[in-house]
């Protein structure tokens, strides 16, 4: 589940420029986006959750927070509202607790606190650190507890509640042109990589 700030119309336009169907659940101040199936792009871009988790968030939809169950691990992403700061990631593993996601900037407790509006509240980063530092439980437990701590909506989705059953939920599908544009970019990059490898 990805939670963004922004009006319903802005969010729907952004989703239609992507490659996967998404349940959009409007709210105040957060709008939830939940993948509603695989991406319409070809492999290796067919995983809808991975595509939404890694998709760059537009400035007008920031700050944004993603809560993802990936097998037995929890993955948390955040996009601060600042213009130049990119996406940050942290994972939680049962029996281990928190750690970085290889190849991505680390989301610190203070980053999560600031992205969710708790940056000025004394003790918020410490509470996040304590919650993620406990290696017990499951990925869904940790993400649900984090959502409650941070006042984020729709934690039930993390335990499998269908997003389409939430009040106001709307299924939004990507525009055909957006999928075709994405696939053209991927094809062009693959062709360039092949040419470079072959020395052409």
Protein backbone atom coordinates (compact mmCIF):
# COMPACT_ATOMS: atom_id res chain seq x y z
CA UNK A 1 0.00 0.00 0.00
CA UNK A 2 1.27 3.44 -0.95
CA UNK A 3 -0.09 6.47 0.87
CA UNK A 4 0.23 9.85 -0.82
CA UNK A 5 -0.95 13.41 -0.27
CA UNK A 6 -2.96 14.90 -3.06
CA UNK A 7 -6.42 15.36 -4.43
CA UNK A 8 -8.22 12.38 -5.92
CA UNK A 9 -8.00 13.83 -9.44
CA UNK A 10 -4.21 14.29 -9.18
CA UNK A 11 -3.74 10.74 -7.93
CA UNK A 12 -5.91 9.23 -10.68
CA UNK A 13 -3.99 11.12 -13.39
CA UNK A 14 -0.71 9.85 -11.94
CA UNK A 15 -1.94 6.22 -11.81
CA UNK A 16 -3.17 6.39 -15.40
CA UNK A 17 0.38 7.34 -16.46
CA UNK A 18 1.73 4.12 -14.92
CA UNK A 19 1.58 0.48 -15.94
CA UNK A 20 -0.65 -1.26 -13.40
CA UNK A 21 -4.25 -1.22 -12.19
CA UNK A 22 -4.62 0.33 -8.75
CA UNK A 23 -7.39 0.69 -6.19
CA UNK A 24 -7.44 4.38 -5.23
CA UNK A 25 -9.01 5.07 -1.84
CA UNK A 26 -9.35 8.83 -1.26
CA UNK A 27 -9.09 10.26 2.22
CA UNK A 28 -7.89 13.22 4.24
CA UNK A 29 -5.00 13.84 4.27
CA UNK A 30 -3.86 10.49 2.84
CA UNK A 31 -4.98 8.76 -0.35
CA UNK A 32 -4.21 5.03 -0.43
CA UNK A 33 -3.06 3.22 -3.56
CA UNK A 34 -3.17 -0.57 -3.55
CA UNK A 35 -2.08 -2.71 -6.52
CA UNK A 36 -5.08 -4.45 -8.10
CA UNK A 37 -3.15 -6.97 -10.17
CA UNK A 38 0.05 -7.34 -12.14
CA UNK A 39 1.64 -4.57 -14.14
CA UNK A 40 0.68 -4.53 -17.80
CA UNK A 41 4.38 -4.25 -18.69
CA UNK A 42 6.35 -7.34 -19.71
CA UNK A 43 8.78 -9.18 -17.43
CA UNK A 44 10.76 -8.24 -15.43
CA UNK A 45 8.32 -5.36 -14.82
CA UNK A 46 5.15 -7.40 -14.29
CA UNK A 47 5.22 -7.42 -10.48
CA UNK A 48 2.60 -4.84 -9.54
CA UNK A 49 3.74 -4.40 -5.94
CA UNK A 50 7.39 -3.90 -6.93
CA UNK A 51 6.41 -1.46 -9.68
CA UNK A 52 4.28 0.68 -7.35
CA UNK A 53 6.83 0.53 -4.53
CA UNK A 54 9.63 1.80 -6.78
CA UNK A 55 7.63 4.22 -8.94
CA UNK A 56 8.79 7.83 -8.52
CA UNK A 57 6.20 9.93 -6.71
CA UNK A 58 5.35 13.33 -8.17
CA UNK A 59 6.21 16.36 -6.06
CA UNK A 60 2.53 17.31 -5.66
CA UNK A 61 1.78 13.91 -4.10
CA UNK A 62 4.55 14.08 -1.50
CA UNK A 63 5.16 13.26 1.24
CA UNK A 64 4.41 9.60 0.63
CA UNK A 65 4.83 6.41 2.64
CA UNK A 66 4.73 2.83 1.38
CA UNK A 67 4.00 -0.21 3.56
CA UNK A 68 4.71 -3.50 1.79
CA UNK A 69 4.60 -7.16 2.81
CA UNK A 70 7.17 -9.09 0.73
CA UNK A 71 7.15 -12.73 1.79
CA UNK A 72 8.21 -12.76 5.43
CA UNK A 73 9.76 -9.30 5.36
CA UNK A 74 8.24 -5.87 5.76
CA UNK A 75 9.46 -3.10 3.46
CA UNK A 76 8.82 0.55 4.26
CA UNK A 77 9.43 3.34 1.78
CA UNK A 78 9.11 7.06 2.23
CA UNK A 79 9.30 10.12 0.05
CA UNK A 80 9.91 13.27 2.09
CA UNK A 81 8.22 16.45 0.93
CA UNK A 82 11.48 18.20 0.16
CA UNK A 83 12.23 18.93 -3.47
CA UNK A 84 15.66 17.27 -3.71
CA UNK A 85 15.30 14.27 -1.43
CA UNK A 86 14.52 10.99 -3.11
CA UNK A 87 12.90 7.81 -1.92
CA UNK A 88 14.27 6.05 1.16
CA UNK A 89 13.87 2.39 2.13
CA UNK A 90 14.09 0.18 5.22
CA UNK A 91 13.25 -3.49 5.63
CA UNK A 92 12.32 -5.52 8.68
CA UNK A 93 13.01 -9.25 8.97
CA UNK A 94 11.56 -11.58 11.61
CA UNK A 95 14.20 -12.56 14.11
CA UNK A 96 16.48 -9.76 12.90
CA UNK A 97 14.63 -6.46 12.99
CA UNK A 98 15.37 -3.47 10.73
CA UNK A 99 18.07 -3.06 8.12
CA UNK A 100 18.84 -1.36 4.82
CA UNK A 101 17.56 -2.49 1.43
CA UNK A 102 20.66 -3.12 -0.64
CA UNK A 103 21.30 -0.40 -3.19
CA UNK A 104 18.81 2.11 -1.77
CA UNK A 105 19.17 5.02 0.69
CA UNK A 106 18.14 4.07 4.22
CA UNK A 107 14.88 5.40 5.66
CA UNK A 108 15.70 6.43 9.23
CA UNK A 109 13.05 6.76 11.94
CA UNK A 110 13.34 10.54 11.66
CA UNK A 111 12.62 10.31 7.91
CA UNK A 112 9.45 8.31 8.59
CA UNK A 113 8.41 10.72 11.34
CA UNK A 114 8.88 13.75 9.09
CA UNK A 115 7.13 12.16 6.10
CA UNK A 116 4.07 11.36 8.22
CA UNK A 117 3.89 14.71 9.97
CA UNK A 118 5.35 13.69 13.33
CA UNK A 119 8.75 15.29 12.81
CA UNK A 120 8.13 18.06 15.34
CA UNK A 121 6.77 15.78 18.05
CA UNK A 122 9.38 14.87 20.61
CA UNK A 123 9.78 11.13 20.91
CA UNK A 124 8.22 10.11 17.58
CA UNK A 125 11.50 8.87 16.01
CA UNK A 126 12.28 6.96 19.21
CA UNK A 127 8.89 5.25 19.18
CA UNK A 128 9.43 4.23 15.55
CA UNK A 129 12.92 2.95 16.38
CA UNK A 130 11.57 0.90 19.29
CA UNK A 131 8.78 -0.61 17.20
CA UNK A 132 11.06 -1.60 14.31
CA UNK A 133 13.79 -2.75 16.70
CA UNK A 134 11.60 -5.56 18.03
CA UNK A 135 12.43 -8.64 15.91
CA UNK A 136 9.32 -10.55 17.06
CA UNK A 137 6.07 -10.97 15.19
CA UNK A 138 5.35 -10.99 11.48
CA UNK A 139 5.75 -8.47 8.67
CA UNK A 140 2.02 -7.73 8.74
CA UNK A 141 2.17 -7.22 12.55
CA UNK A 142 5.00 -4.71 12.26
CA UNK A 143 3.42 -2.76 9.39
CA UNK A 144 0.02 -2.65 11.07
CA UNK A 145 1.55 -1.46 14.34
CA UNK A 146 3.57 1.16 12.45
CA UNK A 147 0.47 2.38 10.61
CA UNK A 148 -1.38 2.76 13.92
CA UNK A 149 1.57 4.53 15.56
CA UNK A 150 1.84 7.01 12.69
CA UNK A 151 -1.89 7.51 12.29
CA UNK A 152 -1.95 6.06 8.78
CA UNK A 153 -5.25 4.74 7.41
CA UNK A 154 -6.34 1.38 6.02
CA UNK A 155 -4.02 -0.86 8.05
CA UNK A 156 -6.49 -3.71 7.45
CA UNK A 157 -5.22 -3.91 3.84
CA UNK A 158 -1.91 -5.13 5.23
CA UNK A 159 -3.70 -8.20 6.60
CA UNK A 160 -5.43 -8.97 3.32
CA UNK A 161 -8.63 -6.91 3.44
CA UNK A 162 -9.57 -6.25 -0.21
CA UNK A 163 -8.88 -2.61 -1.01
CA UNK A 164 -11.89 -2.60 -3.32
CA UNK A 165 -14.12 -3.08 -0.25
CA UNK A 166 -12.94 0.14 1.40
CA UNK A 167 -15.32 3.12 1.36
CA UNK A 168 -14.82 5.27 -1.73
CA UNK A 169 -12.41 2.82 -3.39
CA UNK A 170 -12.13 3.16 -7.15
CA UNK A 171 -10.32 0.88 -9.59
CA UNK A 172 -8.08 2.93 -11.90
CA UNK A 173 -6.36 1.29 -14.86
CA UNK A 174 -3.35 2.62 -16.76
CA UNK A 175 -3.85 4.32 -20.09
CA UNK A 176 -2.82 2.20 -23.09
CA UNK A 177 -0.52 4.99 -24.29
CA UNK A 178 1.32 5.04 -20.95
CA UNK A 179 2.01 1.29 -21.11
CA UNK A 180 3.16 1.56 -24.73
CA UNK A 181 5.44 4.49 -23.85
CA UNK A 182 6.99 2.55 -20.95
CA UNK A 183 7.59 -0.52 -23.11
CA UNK A 184 9.18 1.62 -25.84
CA UNK A 185 11.60 3.14 -23.31
CA UNK A 186 12.51 -0.33 -22.00
CA UNK A 187 12.98 -1.69 -25.55
CA UNK A 188 15.17 1.28 -26.52
CA UNK A 189 17.34 0.84 -23.42
CA UNK A 190 17.74 -2.89 -24.06
CA UNK A 191 18.71 -2.20 -27.67
CA UNK A 192 21.30 0.38 -26.55
CA UNK A 193 22.72 -2.03 -23.95
CA UNK A 194 23.06 -4.74 -26.62
CA UNK A 195 24.79 -2.34 -29.01
CA UNK A 196 27.25 -1.24 -26.30
CA UNK A 197 28.02 -4.85 -25.34
CA UNK A 198 28.61 -5.77 -28.97
CA UNK A 199 30.77 -2.70 -29.52
CA UNK A 200 28.59 -1.17 -32.20
